[in-house]
Amino acid sequence: MGKMKEEFMRLQETPIMDECAECQGSGAVEVEVAMPHNAGRDIGELYCELETCDACDGGGEVGRLCDCGEWVTLIMGQYATICEACADVENV
């Protein structure tokens, strides 16, 4: 396979990655955890702990999705918001 064809295939398969909206790219979110004073009382305090972000699995980035649910890939350009299939439909 030629180098240009390999590059086009890579661009078609690689999704554009955006900063995670849940953790703002840090990979961790702060959650409140209730800590009771003791087992016999119903009062306590709330403490904040860091947990791994579920949206990005701690990576800080998520793939950009088109409105149809498909990945927006690098072949469409860095600022694209629609996938290749939707772009083909609009151009017809």
C-alpha atoms as a PDB file:
ATOM      1  CA  MET A   1       0.000   0.000   0.000  1.00  0.00           C
ATOM      2  CA  GLY A   2       1.242   3.492  -0.788  1.00  0.00           C
ATOM      3  CA  LYS A   3       2.138   6.022   1.874  1.00  0.00           C
ATOM      4  CA  MET A   4      -0.626   8.438   0.820  1.00  0.00           C
ATOM      5  CA  LYS A   5      -3.276   5.721   1.000  1.00  0.00           C
ATOM      6  CA  GLU A   6      -2.050   4.706   4.473  1.00  0.00           C
ATOM      7  CA  GLU A   7      -2.222   8.341   5.614  1.00  0.00           C
ATOM      8  CA  PHE A   8      -5.781   8.761   4.271  1.00  0.00           C
ATOM      9  CA  MET A   9      -6.866   5.580   6.035  1.00  0.00           C
ATOM     10  CA  ARG A  10      -5.294   6.792   9.302  1.00  0.00           C
ATOM     11  CA  LEU A  11      -7.086  10.144   9.025  1.00  0.00           C
ATOM     12  CA  GLN A  12     -10.423   8.414   8.326  1.00  0.00           C
ATOM     13  CA  GLU A  13     -10.069   6.161  11.374  1.00  0.00           C
ATOM     14  CA  THR A  14      -8.702   8.652  13.962  1.00  0.00           C
ATOM     15  CA  PRO A  15     -11.406  10.627  15.824  1.00  0.00           C
ATOM     16  CA  ILE A  16     -10.873  14.266  16.730  1.00  0.00           C
ATOM     17  CA  MET A  17     -10.350  14.503  20.476  1.00  0.00           C
ATOM     18  CA  ASP A  18     -11.817  17.356  22.541  1.00  0.00           C
ATOM     19  CA  GLU A  19     -11.311  18.291  26.184  1.00  0.00           C
ATOM     20  CA  CYS A  20     -13.733  16.442  28.470  1.00  0.00           C
ATOM     21  CA  ALA A  21     -16.588  18.697  29.615  1.00  0.00           C
ATOM     22  CA  GLU A  22     -17.061  16.807  32.892  1.00  0.00           C
ATOM     23  CA  CYS A  23     -13.503  17.187  34.266  1.00  0.00           C
ATOM     24  CA  GLN A  24     -12.188  20.065  32.066  1.00  0.00           C
ATOM     25  CA  GLY A  25      -9.332  17.849  30.880  1.00  0.00           C
ATOM     26  CA  SER A  26      -7.927  16.912  34.297  1.00  0.00           C
ATOM     27  CA  GLY A  27      -9.189  13.305  34.255  1.00  0.00           C
ATOM     28  CA  ALA A  28     -10.600  13.548  37.798  1.00  0.00           C
ATOM     29  CA  VAL A  29     -13.819  14.930  39.270  1.00  0.00           C
ATOM     30  CA  GLU A  30     -14.552  16.037  42.809  1.00  0.00           C
ATOM     31  CA  VAL A  31     -17.396  14.173  44.568  1.00  0.00           C
ATOM     32  CA  GLU A  32     -18.927  14.649  47.991  1.00  0.00           C
ATOM     33  CA  VAL A  33     -18.748  11.683  50.372  1.00  0.00           C
ATOM     34  CA  ALA A  34     -20.859  11.535  53.542  1.00  0.00           C
ATOM     35  CA  MET A  35     -18.900  10.550  56.664  1.00  0.00           C
ATOM     36  CA  PRO A  36     -21.081   9.848  59.730  1.00  0.00           C
ATOM     37  CA  HIS A  37     -19.789  10.660  63.225  1.00  0.00           C
ATOM     38  CA  ASN A  38     -20.481   7.128  64.459  1.00  0.00           C
ATOM     39  CA  ALA A  39     -22.818   4.218  63.803  1.00  0.00           C
ATOM     40  CA  GLY A  40     -25.454   5.257  66.349  1.00  0.00           C
ATOM     41  CA  ARG A  41     -25.957   8.851  65.143  1.00  0.00           C
ATOM     42  CA  ASP A  42     -27.553  10.247  62.019  1.00  0.00           C
ATOM     43  CA  ILE A  43     -25.314  13.303  61.694  1.00  0.00           C
ATOM     44  CA  GLY A  44     -21.943  13.694  60.077  1.00  0.00           C
ATOM     45  CA  GLU A  45     -19.955  15.761  57.615  1.00  0.00           C
ATOM     46  CA  LEU A  46     -19.468  15.893  53.879  1.00  0.00           C
ATOM     47  CA  TYR A  47     -15.931  15.471  52.551  1.00  0.00           C
ATOM     48  CA  CYS A  48     -14.719  16.005  48.997  1.00  0.00           C
ATOM     49  CA  GLU A  49     -12.689  13.306  47.262  1.00  0.00           C
ATOM     50  CA  LEU A  50     -11.242  13.047  43.766  1.00  0.00           C
ATOM     51  CA  GLU A  51     -12.434  10.186  41.584  1.00  0.00           C
ATOM     52  CA  THR A  52     -11.578   9.174  38.033  1.00  0.00           C
ATOM     53  CA  CYS A  53     -13.879  10.842  35.514  1.00  0.00           C
ATOM     54  CA  ASP A  54     -16.385   8.357  34.061  1.00  0.00           C
ATOM     55  CA  ALA A  55     -16.919  10.321  30.843  1.00  0.00           C
ATOM     56  CA  CYS A  56     -13.277  10.123  29.681  1.00  0.00           C
ATOM     57  CA  ASP A  57     -12.016   7.241  31.879  1.00  0.00           C
ATOM     58  CA  GLY A  58      -9.360   9.547  33.328  1.00  0.00           C
ATOM     59  CA  GLY A  59      -7.839  10.494  29.984  1.00  0.00           C
ATOM     60  CA  GLY A  60      -9.096  14.074  29.947  1.00  0.00           C
ATOM     61  CA  GLU A  61     -10.244  13.818  26.321  1.00  0.00           C
ATOM     62  CA  VAL A  62     -13.324  12.501  24.556  1.00  0.00           C
ATOM     63  CA  GLY A  63     -13.908  11.855  20.866  1.00  0.00           C
ATOM     64  CA  ARG A  64     -15.989  14.427  18.996  1.00  0.00           C
ATOM     65  CA  LEU A  65     -19.361  13.037  17.910  1.00  0.00           C
ATOM     66  CA  CYS A  66     -21.529  14.112  14.999  1.00  0.00           C
ATOM     67  CA  ASP A  67     -25.274  14.710  15.523  1.00  0.00           C
ATOM     68  CA  CYS A  68     -25.893  11.284  13.959  1.00  0.00           C
ATOM     69  CA  GLY A  69     -23.737   9.595  16.627  1.00  0.00           C
ATOM     70  CA  GLU A  70     -20.707   8.792  14.452  1.00  0.00           C
ATOM     71  CA  TRP A  71     -17.147   9.959  15.230  1.00  0.00           C
ATOM     72  CA  VAL A  72     -15.889  13.103  13.529  1.00  0.00           C
ATOM     73  CA  THR A  73     -12.498  12.049  12.173  1.00  0.00           C
ATOM     74  CA  LEU A  74      -9.336  13.951  11.268  1.00  0.00           C
ATOM     75  CA  ILE A  75     -10.022  13.571   7.527  1.00  0.00           C
ATOM     76  CA  MET A  76     -12.784  16.199   7.945  1.00  0.00           C
ATOM     77  CA  GLY A  77     -10.394  18.793   9.410  1.00  0.00           C
ATOM     78  CA  GLN A  78      -9.628  19.852  12.963  1.00  0.00           C
ATOM     79  CA  TYR A  79     -12.617  22.212  13.270  1.00  0.00           C
ATOM     80  CA  ALA A  80     -15.239  19.936  11.690  1.00  0.00           C
ATOM     81  CA  THR A  81     -18.452  19.200  13.575  1.00  0.00           C
ATOM     82  CA  ILE A  82     -20.012  16.627  11.237  1.00  0.00           C
ATOM     83  CA  CYS A  83     -18.861  13.164  10.162  1.00  0.00           C
ATOM     84  CA  GLU A  84     -17.838  12.169   6.644  1.00  0.00           C
ATOM     85  CA  ALA A  85     -21.167  10.438   5.909  1.00  0.00           C
ATOM     86  CA  CYS A  86     -23.213  13.507   6.886  1.00  0.00           C
ATOM     87  CA  ALA A  87     -20.929  15.734   4.801  1.00  0.00           C
ATOM     88  CA  ASP A  88     -21.515  13.491   1.766  1.00  0.00           C
ATOM     89  CA  VAL A  89     -25.287  13.736   2.238  1.00  0.00           C
ATOM     90  CA  GLU A  90     -25.127  17.553   2.450  1.00  0.00           C
ATOM     91  CA  ASN A  91     -23.016  17.783  -0.719  1.00  0.00           C
ATOM     92  CA  VAL A  92     -25.436  15.682  -2.810  1.00  0.00           C
END
